[in-house]
Amino acid sequence: MNADTIREFVRRQPFEPFVIRLSNGETHEVRHPECLLVTKTKVIVYYPDDDRTVHLSLIHVNTVETLQST
């Protein structure tokens, strides 16, 4: 996965929450555009409820998908 693809999800207007799926099966939901930082090789997801961050290597990102409304 490349950084530009993820940036496209972040820049969508209006913003739609999305999920990042990793090669190990792990998932990370992004519910607000300010809770994500994309660099050349990494994605940093911020979880405000827990006040924690998760650092993901782009080489392990398999897919990025819009979250479905439930």
PDB file of N, CA and C in Angstrom:
ATOM      1  N   MET A   1       0.859  -1.172   0.000  1.00  0.00           N
ATOM      2  CA  MET A   1       0.000   0.000   0.000  1.00  0.00           C
ATOM      3  C   MET A   1       0.901   1.230   0.000  1.00  0.00           C
ATOM      4  N   ASN A   2       0.510   2.247  -0.759  1.00  0.00           N
ATOM      5  CA  ASN A   2       1.333   3.455  -0.729  1.00  0.00           C
ATOM      6  C   ASN A   2       0.654   4.568   0.063  1.00  0.00           C
ATOM      7  N   ALA A   3       1.450   5.513   0.487  1.00  0.00           N
ATOM      8  CA  ALA A   3       0.972   6.592   1.351  1.00  0.00           C
ATOM      9  C   ALA A   3      -0.096   7.438   0.673  1.00  0.00           C
ATOM     10  N   ASP A   4       0.024   7.657  -0.623  1.00  0.00           N
ATOM     11  CA  ASP A   4      -0.943   8.502  -1.328  1.00  0.00           C
ATOM     12  C   ASP A   4      -2.352   7.920  -1.301  1.00  0.00           C
ATOM     13  N   THR A   5      -2.463   6.614  -1.369  1.00  0.00           N
ATOM     14  CA  THR A   5      -3.780   5.979  -1.305  1.00  0.00           C
ATOM     15  C   THR A   5      -4.449   6.268   0.032  1.00  0.00           C
ATOM     16  N   ILE A   6      -3.700   6.168   1.100  1.00  0.00           N
ATOM     17  CA  ILE A   6      -4.263   6.442   2.428  1.00  0.00           C
ATOM     18  C   ILE A   6      -4.581   7.924   2.567  1.00  0.00           C
ATOM     19  N   ARG A   7      -3.731   8.784   2.038  1.00  0.00           N
ATOM     20  CA  ARG A   7      -3.997  10.226   2.098  1.00  0.00           C
ATOM     21  C   ARG A   7      -5.297  10.583   1.376  1.00  0.00           C
ATOM     22  N   GLU A   8      -5.604   9.880   0.299  1.00  0.00           N
ATOM     23  CA  GLU A   8      -6.865  10.120  -0.414  1.00  0.00           C
ATOM     24  C   GLU A   8      -8.060   9.873   0.500  1.00  0.00           C
ATOM     25  N   PHE A   9      -8.001   8.834   1.308  1.00  0.00           N
ATOM     26  CA  PHE A   9      -9.087   8.556   2.253  1.00  0.00           C
ATOM     27  C   PHE A   9      -9.201   9.672   3.288  1.00  0.00           C
ATOM     28  N   VAL A  10      -8.072  10.182   3.754  1.00  0.00           N
ATOM     29  CA  VAL A  10      -8.067  11.234   4.774  1.00  0.00           C
ATOM     30  C   VAL A  10      -8.627  12.544   4.216  1.00  0.00           C
ATOM     31  N   ARG A  11      -8.375  12.832   2.954  1.00  0.00           N
ATOM     32  CA  ARG A  11      -8.758  14.117   2.349  1.00  0.00           C
ATOM     33  C   ARG A  11     -10.170  14.135   1.771  1.00  0.00           C
ATOM     34  N   ARG A  12     -10.852  13.026   1.767  1.00  0.00           N
ATOM     35  CA  ARG A  12     -12.200  12.993   1.188  1.00  0.00           C
ATOM     36  C   ARG A  12     -13.113  14.006   1.869  1.00  0.00           C
ATOM     37  N   GLN A  13     -13.927  14.649   1.045  1.00  0.00           N
ATOM     38  CA  GLN A  13     -14.909  15.606   1.561  1.00  0.00           C
ATOM     39  C   GLN A  13     -16.294  15.175   1.116  1.00  0.00           C
ATOM     40  N   PRO A  14     -17.207  14.915   2.002  1.00  0.00           N
ATOM     41  CA  PRO A  14     -16.994  14.895   3.440  1.00  0.00           C
ATOM     42  C   PRO A  14     -16.184  13.657   3.846  1.00  0.00           C
ATOM     43  N   PHE A  15     -15.523  13.772   4.971  1.00  0.00           N
ATOM     44  CA  PHE A  15     -14.718  12.664   5.477  1.00  0.00           C
ATOM     45  C   PHE A  15     -15.614  11.480   5.812  1.00  0.00           C
ATOM     46  N   GLU A  16     -15.165  10.291   5.425  1.00  0.00           N
ATOM     47  CA  GLU A  16     -15.858   9.050   5.768  1.00  0.00           C
ATOM     48  C   GLU A  16     -14.902   8.183   6.588  1.00  0.00           C
ATOM     49  N   PRO A  17     -15.317   7.741   7.773  1.00  0.00           N
ATOM     50  CA  PRO A  17     -14.461   6.860   8.570  1.00  0.00           C
ATOM     51  C   PRO A  17     -14.040   5.634   7.756  1.00  0.00           C
ATOM     52  N   PHE A  18     -12.835   5.147   8.018  1.00  0.00           N
ATOM     53  CA  PHE A  18     -12.336   3.989   7.274  1.00  0.00           C
ATOM     54  C   PHE A  18     -11.538   3.072   8.184  1.00  0.00           C
ATOM     55  N   VAL A  19     -11.258   1.888   7.668  1.00  0.00           N
ATOM     56  CA  VAL A  19     -10.507   0.888   8.423  1.00  0.00           C
ATOM     57  C   VAL A  19      -9.258   0.508   7.635  1.00  0.00           C
ATOM     58  N   ILE A  20      -8.155   0.350   8.350  1.00  0.00           N
ATOM     59  CA  ILE A  20      -6.892  -0.108   7.776  1.00  0.00           C
ATOM     60  C   ILE A  20      -6.718  -1.558   8.197  1.00  0.00           C
ATOM     61  N   ARG A  21      -6.520  -2.445   7.218  1.00  0.00           N
ATOM     62  CA  ARG A  21      -6.322  -3.872   7.497  1.00  0.00           C
ATOM     63  C   ARG A  21      -4.867  -4.243   7.213  1.00  0.00           C
ATOM     64  N   LEU A  22      -4.253  -4.911   8.186  1.00  0.00           N
ATOM     65  CA  LEU A  22      -2.845  -5.289   8.073  1.00  0.00           C
ATOM     66  C   LEU A  22      -2.678  -6.742   7.640  1.00  0.00           C
ATOM     67  N   SER A  23      -1.474  -7.079   7.231  1.00  0.00           N
ATOM     68  CA  SER A  23      -1.175  -8.430   6.757  1.00  0.00           C
ATOM     69  C   SER A  23      -1.332  -9.487   7.842  1.00  0.00           C
ATOM     70  N   ASN A  24      -1.260  -9.098   9.119  1.00  0.00           N
ATOM     71  CA  ASN A  24      -1.418 -10.068  10.212  1.00  0.00           C
ATOM     72  C   ASN A  24      -2.871 -10.198  10.675  1.00  0.00           C
ATOM     73  N   GLY A  25      -3.794  -9.526   9.964  1.00  0.00           N
ATOM     74  CA  GLY A  25      -5.210  -9.605  10.310  1.00  0.00           C
ATOM     75  C   GLY A  25      -5.687  -8.495  11.230  1.00  0.00           C
ATOM     76  N   GLU A  26      -4.775  -7.738  11.775  1.00  0.00           N
ATOM     77  CA  GLU A  26      -5.113  -6.629  12.668  1.00  0.00           C
ATOM     78  C   GLU A  26      -5.848  -5.541  11.886  1.00  0.00           C
ATOM     79  N   THR A  27      -6.796  -4.856  12.548  1.00  0.00           N
ATOM     80  CA  THR A  27      -7.508  -3.744  11.922  1.00  0.00           C
ATOM     81  C   THR A  27      -7.423  -2.505  12.804  1.00  0.00           C
ATOM     82  N   HIS A  28      -7.448  -1.350  12.157  1.00  0.00           N
ATOM     83  CA  HIS A  28      -7.412  -0.067  12.863  1.00  0.00           C
ATOM     84  C   HIS A  28      -8.426   0.864  12.215  1.00  0.00           C
ATOM     85  N   GLU A  29      -9.397   1.316  13.011  1.00  0.00           N
ATOM     86  CA  GLU A  29     -10.423   2.222  12.515  1.00  0.00           C
ATOM     87  C   GLU A  29      -9.954   3.662  12.666  1.00  0.00           C
ATOM     88  N   VAL A  30     -10.203   4.447  11.629  1.00  0.00           N
ATOM     89  CA  VAL A  30      -9.896   5.877  11.650  1.00  0.00           C
ATOM     90  C   VAL A  30     -11.230   6.599  11.544  1.00  0.00           C
ATOM     91  N   ARG A  31     -11.644   7.248  12.626  1.00  0.00           N
ATOM     92  CA  ARG A  31     -12.963   7.882  12.684  1.00  0.00           C
ATOM     93  C   ARG A  31     -12.925   9.392  12.499  1.00  0.00           C
ATOM     94  N   HIS A  32     -11.717   9.964  12.468  1.00  0.00           N
ATOM     95  CA  HIS A  32     -11.577  11.405  12.276  1.00  0.00           C
ATOM     96  C   HIS A  32     -10.255  11.662  11.547  1.00  0.00           C
ATOM     97  N   PRO A  33     -10.237  12.569  10.575  1.00  0.00           N
ATOM     98  CA  PRO A  33      -9.004  12.780   9.798  1.00  0.00           C
ATOM     99  C   PRO A  33      -7.821  13.271  10.628  1.00  0.00           C
ATOM    100  N   GLU A  34      -8.084  13.918  11.751  1.00  0.00           N
ATOM    101  CA  GLU A  34      -6.987  14.413  12.577  1.00  0.00           C
ATOM    102  C   GLU A  34      -6.369  13.326  13.457  1.00  0.00           C
ATOM    103  N   CYS A  35      -6.912  12.118  13.370  1.00  0.00           N
ATOM    104  CA  CYS A  35      -6.391  11.001  14.176  1.00  0.00           C
ATOM    105  C   CYS A  35      -5.440  10.117  13.381  1.00  0.00           C
ATOM    106  N   LEU A  36      -4.906  10.663  12.285  1.00  0.00           N
ATOM    107  CA  LEU A  36      -4.021   9.866  11.443  1.00  0.00           C
ATOM    108  C   LEU A  36      -2.915  10.741  10.878  1.00  0.00           C
ATOM    109  N   LEU A  37      -1.703  10.218  10.896  1.00  0.00           N
ATOM    110  CA  LEU A  37      -0.560  10.875  10.272  1.00  0.00           C
ATOM    111  C   LEU A  37       0.064   9.871   9.318  1.00  0.00           C
ATOM    112  N   VAL A  38       0.280  10.298   8.079  1.00  0.00           N
ATOM    113  CA  VAL A  38       0.864   9.420   7.066  1.00  0.00           C
ATOM    114  C   VAL A  38       2.220   9.984   6.665  1.00  0.00           C
ATOM    115  N   THR A  39       3.259   9.143   6.752  1.00  0.00           N
ATOM    116  CA  THR A  39       4.597   9.525   6.294  1.00  0.00           C
ATOM    117  C   THR A  39       4.928   8.688   5.061  1.00  0.00           C
ATOM    118  N   LYS A  40       6.153   8.753   4.596  1.00  0.00           N
ATOM    119  CA  LYS A  40       6.549   7.968   3.418  1.00  0.00           C
ATOM    120  C   LYS A  40       6.498   6.468   3.668  1.00  0.00           C
ATOM    121  N   THR A  41       6.779   6.052   4.905  1.00  0.00           N
ATOM    122  CA  THR A  41       6.876   4.618   5.189  1.00  0.00           C
ATOM    123  C   THR A  41       5.969   4.136   6.310  1.00  0.00           C
ATOM    124  N   LYS A  42       5.305   5.063   7.018  1.00  0.00           N
ATOM    125  CA  LYS A  42       4.504   4.678   8.184  1.00  0.00           C
ATOM    126  C   LYS A  42       3.162   5.385   8.216  1.00  0.00           C
ATOM    127  N   VAL A  43       2.268   4.797   8.992  1.00  0.00           N
ATOM    128  CA  VAL A  43       0.993   5.415   9.336  1.00  0.00           C
ATOM    129  C   VAL A  43       0.935   5.419  10.859  1.00  0.00           C
ATOM    130  N   ILE A  44       0.587   6.556  11.426  1.00  0.00           N
ATOM    131  CA  ILE A  44       0.426   6.656  12.875  1.00  0.00           C
ATOM    132  C   ILE A  44      -1.042   6.942  13.149  1.00  0.00           C
ATOM    133  N   VAL A  45      -1.680   6.032  13.877  1.00  0.00           N
ATOM    134  CA  VAL A  45      -3.094   6.169  14.219  1.00  0.00           C
ATOM    135  C   VAL A  45      -3.178   6.591  15.677  1.00  0.00           C
ATOM    136  N   TYR A  46      -3.970   7.633  15.934  1.00  0.00           N
ATOM    137  CA  TYR A  46      -4.162   8.128  17.299  1.00  0.00           C
ATOM    138  C   TYR A  46      -5.547   7.733  17.781  1.00  0.00           C
ATOM    139  N   TYR A  47      -5.602   7.150  18.969  1.00  0.00           N
ATOM    140  CA  TYR A  47      -6.865   6.768  19.607  1.00  0.00           C
ATOM    141  C   TYR A  47      -7.101   7.716  20.783  1.00  0.00           C
ATOM    142  N   PRO A  48      -7.934   8.760  20.588  1.00  0.00           N
ATOM    143  CA  PRO A  48      -8.111   9.774  21.636  1.00  0.00           C
ATOM    144  C   PRO A  48      -8.748   9.244  22.919  1.00  0.00           C
ATOM    145  N   ASP A  49      -9.621   8.260  22.820  1.00  0.00           N
ATOM    146  CA  ASP A  49     -10.266   7.732  24.028  1.00  0.00           C
ATOM    147  C   ASP A  49      -9.258   7.104  24.986  1.00  0.00           C
ATOM    148  N   ASP A  50      -8.218   6.490  24.414  1.00  0.00           N
ATOM    149  CA  ASP A  50      -7.181   5.838  25.220  1.00  0.00           C
ATOM    150  C   ASP A  50      -5.914   6.685  25.334  1.00  0.00           C
ATOM    151  N   ASP A  51      -5.872   7.797  24.589  1.00  0.00           N
ATOM    152  CA  ASP A  51      -4.689   8.645  24.509  1.00  0.00           C
ATOM    153  C   ASP A  51      -3.450   7.821  24.162  1.00  0.00           C
ATOM    154  N   ARG A  52      -3.581   7.037  23.077  1.00  0.00           N
ATOM    155  CA  ARG A  52      -2.458   6.204  22.644  1.00  0.00           C
ATOM    156  C   ARG A  52      -2.300   6.289  21.130  1.00  0.00           C
ATOM    157  N   THR A  53      -1.126   5.947  20.666  1.00  0.00           N
ATOM    158  CA  THR A  53      -0.859   5.898  19.235  1.00  0.00           C
ATOM    159  C   THR A  53      -0.382   4.509  18.848  1.00  0.00           C
ATOM    160  N   VAL A  54      -0.622   4.171  17.582  1.00  0.00           N
ATOM    161  CA  VAL A  54      -0.148   2.911  17.021  1.00  0.00           C
ATOM    162  C   VAL A  54       0.625   3.264  15.754  1.00  0.00           C
ATOM    163  N   HIS A  55       1.836   2.747  15.636  1.00  0.00           N
ATOM    164  CA  HIS A  55       2.678   2.998  14.471  1.00  0.00           C
ATOM    165  C   HIS A  55       2.619   1.772  13.564  1.00  0.00           C
ATOM    166  N   LEU A  56       2.227   1.998  12.312  1.00  0.00           N
ATOM    167  CA  LEU A  56       2.078   0.911  11.347  1.00  0.00           C
ATOM    168  C   LEU A  56       3.030   1.131  10.181  1.00  0.00           C
ATOM    169  N   SER A  57       3.696   0.086   9.762  1.00  0.00           N
ATOM    170  CA  SER A  57       4.546   0.165   8.584  1.00  0.00           C
ATOM    171  C   SER A  57       3.674  -0.012   7.344  1.00  0.00           C
ATOM    172  N   LEU A  58       3.846   0.855   6.357  1.00  0.00           N
ATOM    173  CA  LEU A  58       3.026   0.773   5.145  1.00  0.00           C
ATOM    174  C   LEU A  58       3.165  -0.568   4.427  1.00  0.00           C
ATOM    175  N   ILE A  59       4.309  -1.224   4.559  1.00  0.00           N
ATOM    176  CA  ILE A  59       4.472  -2.504   3.862  1.00  0.00           C
ATOM    177  C   ILE A  59       3.548  -3.584   4.425  1.00  0.00           C
ATOM    178  N   HIS A  60       2.999  -3.358   5.615  1.00  0.00           N
ATOM    179  CA  HIS A  60       2.092  -4.331   6.221  1.00  0.00           C
ATOM    180  C   HIS A  60       0.619  -3.988   6.020  1.00  0.00           C
ATOM    181  N   VAL A  61       0.333  -2.853   5.381  1.00  0.00           N
ATOM    182  CA  VAL A  61      -1.058  -2.466   5.127  1.00  0.00           C
ATOM    183  C   VAL A  61      -1.543  -3.191   3.878  1.00  0.00           C
ATOM    184  N   ASN A  62      -2.572  -4.034   4.053  1.00  0.00           N
ATOM    185  CA  ASN A  62      -3.140  -4.762   2.915  1.00  0.00           C
ATOM    186  C   ASN A  62      -4.219  -3.971   2.208  1.00  0.00           C
ATOM    187  N   THR A  63      -5.190  -3.458   2.987  1.00  0.00           N
ATOM    188  CA  THR A  63      -6.307  -2.732   2.391  1.00  0.00           C
ATOM    189  C   THR A  63      -6.720  -1.561   3.267  1.00  0.00           C
ATOM    190  N   VAL A  64      -7.389  -0.622   2.628  1.00  0.00           N
ATOM    191  CA  VAL A  64      -8.036   0.491   3.313  1.00  0.00           C
ATOM    192  C   VAL A  64      -9.446   0.542   2.750  1.00  0.00           C
ATOM    193  N   GLU A  65     -10.439   0.487   3.644  1.00  0.00           N
ATOM    194  CA  GLU A  65     -11.835   0.431   3.203  1.00  0.00           C
ATOM    195  C   GLU A  65     -12.682   1.379   4.028  1.00  0.00           C
ATOM    196  N   THR A  66     -13.668   1.979   3.378  1.00  0.00           N
ATOM    197  CA  THR A  66     -14.624   2.816   4.091  1.00  0.00           C
ATOM    198  C   THR A  66     -15.413   1.950   5.060  1.00  0.00           C
ATOM    199  N   LEU A  67     -15.619   2.460   6.275  1.00  0.00           N
ATOM    200  CA  LEU A  67     -16.423   1.731   7.265  1.00  0.00           C
ATOM    201  C   LEU A  67     -17.879   1.762   6.844  1.00  0.00           C
ATOM    202  N   GLN A  68     -18.537   0.634   6.942  1.00  0.00           N
ATOM    203  CA  GLN A  68     -19.950   0.549   6.597  1.00  0.00           C
ATOM    204  C   GLN A  68     -20.793   1.020   7.767  1.00  0.00           C
ATOM    205  N   SER A  69     -21.845   1.769   7.483  1.00  0.00           N
ATOM    206  CA  SER A  69     -22.769   2.206   8.534  1.00  0.00           C
ATOM    207  C   SER A  69     -23.523   1.011   9.064  1.00  0.00           C
ATOM    208  N   THR A  70     -23.708   0.979  10.392  1.00  0.00           N
ATOM    209  CA  THR A  70     -24.448  -0.137  10.989  1.00  0.00           C
ATOM    210  C   THR A  70     -25.696   0.359  11.648  1.00  0.00           C
TER     211      THR A  70
END
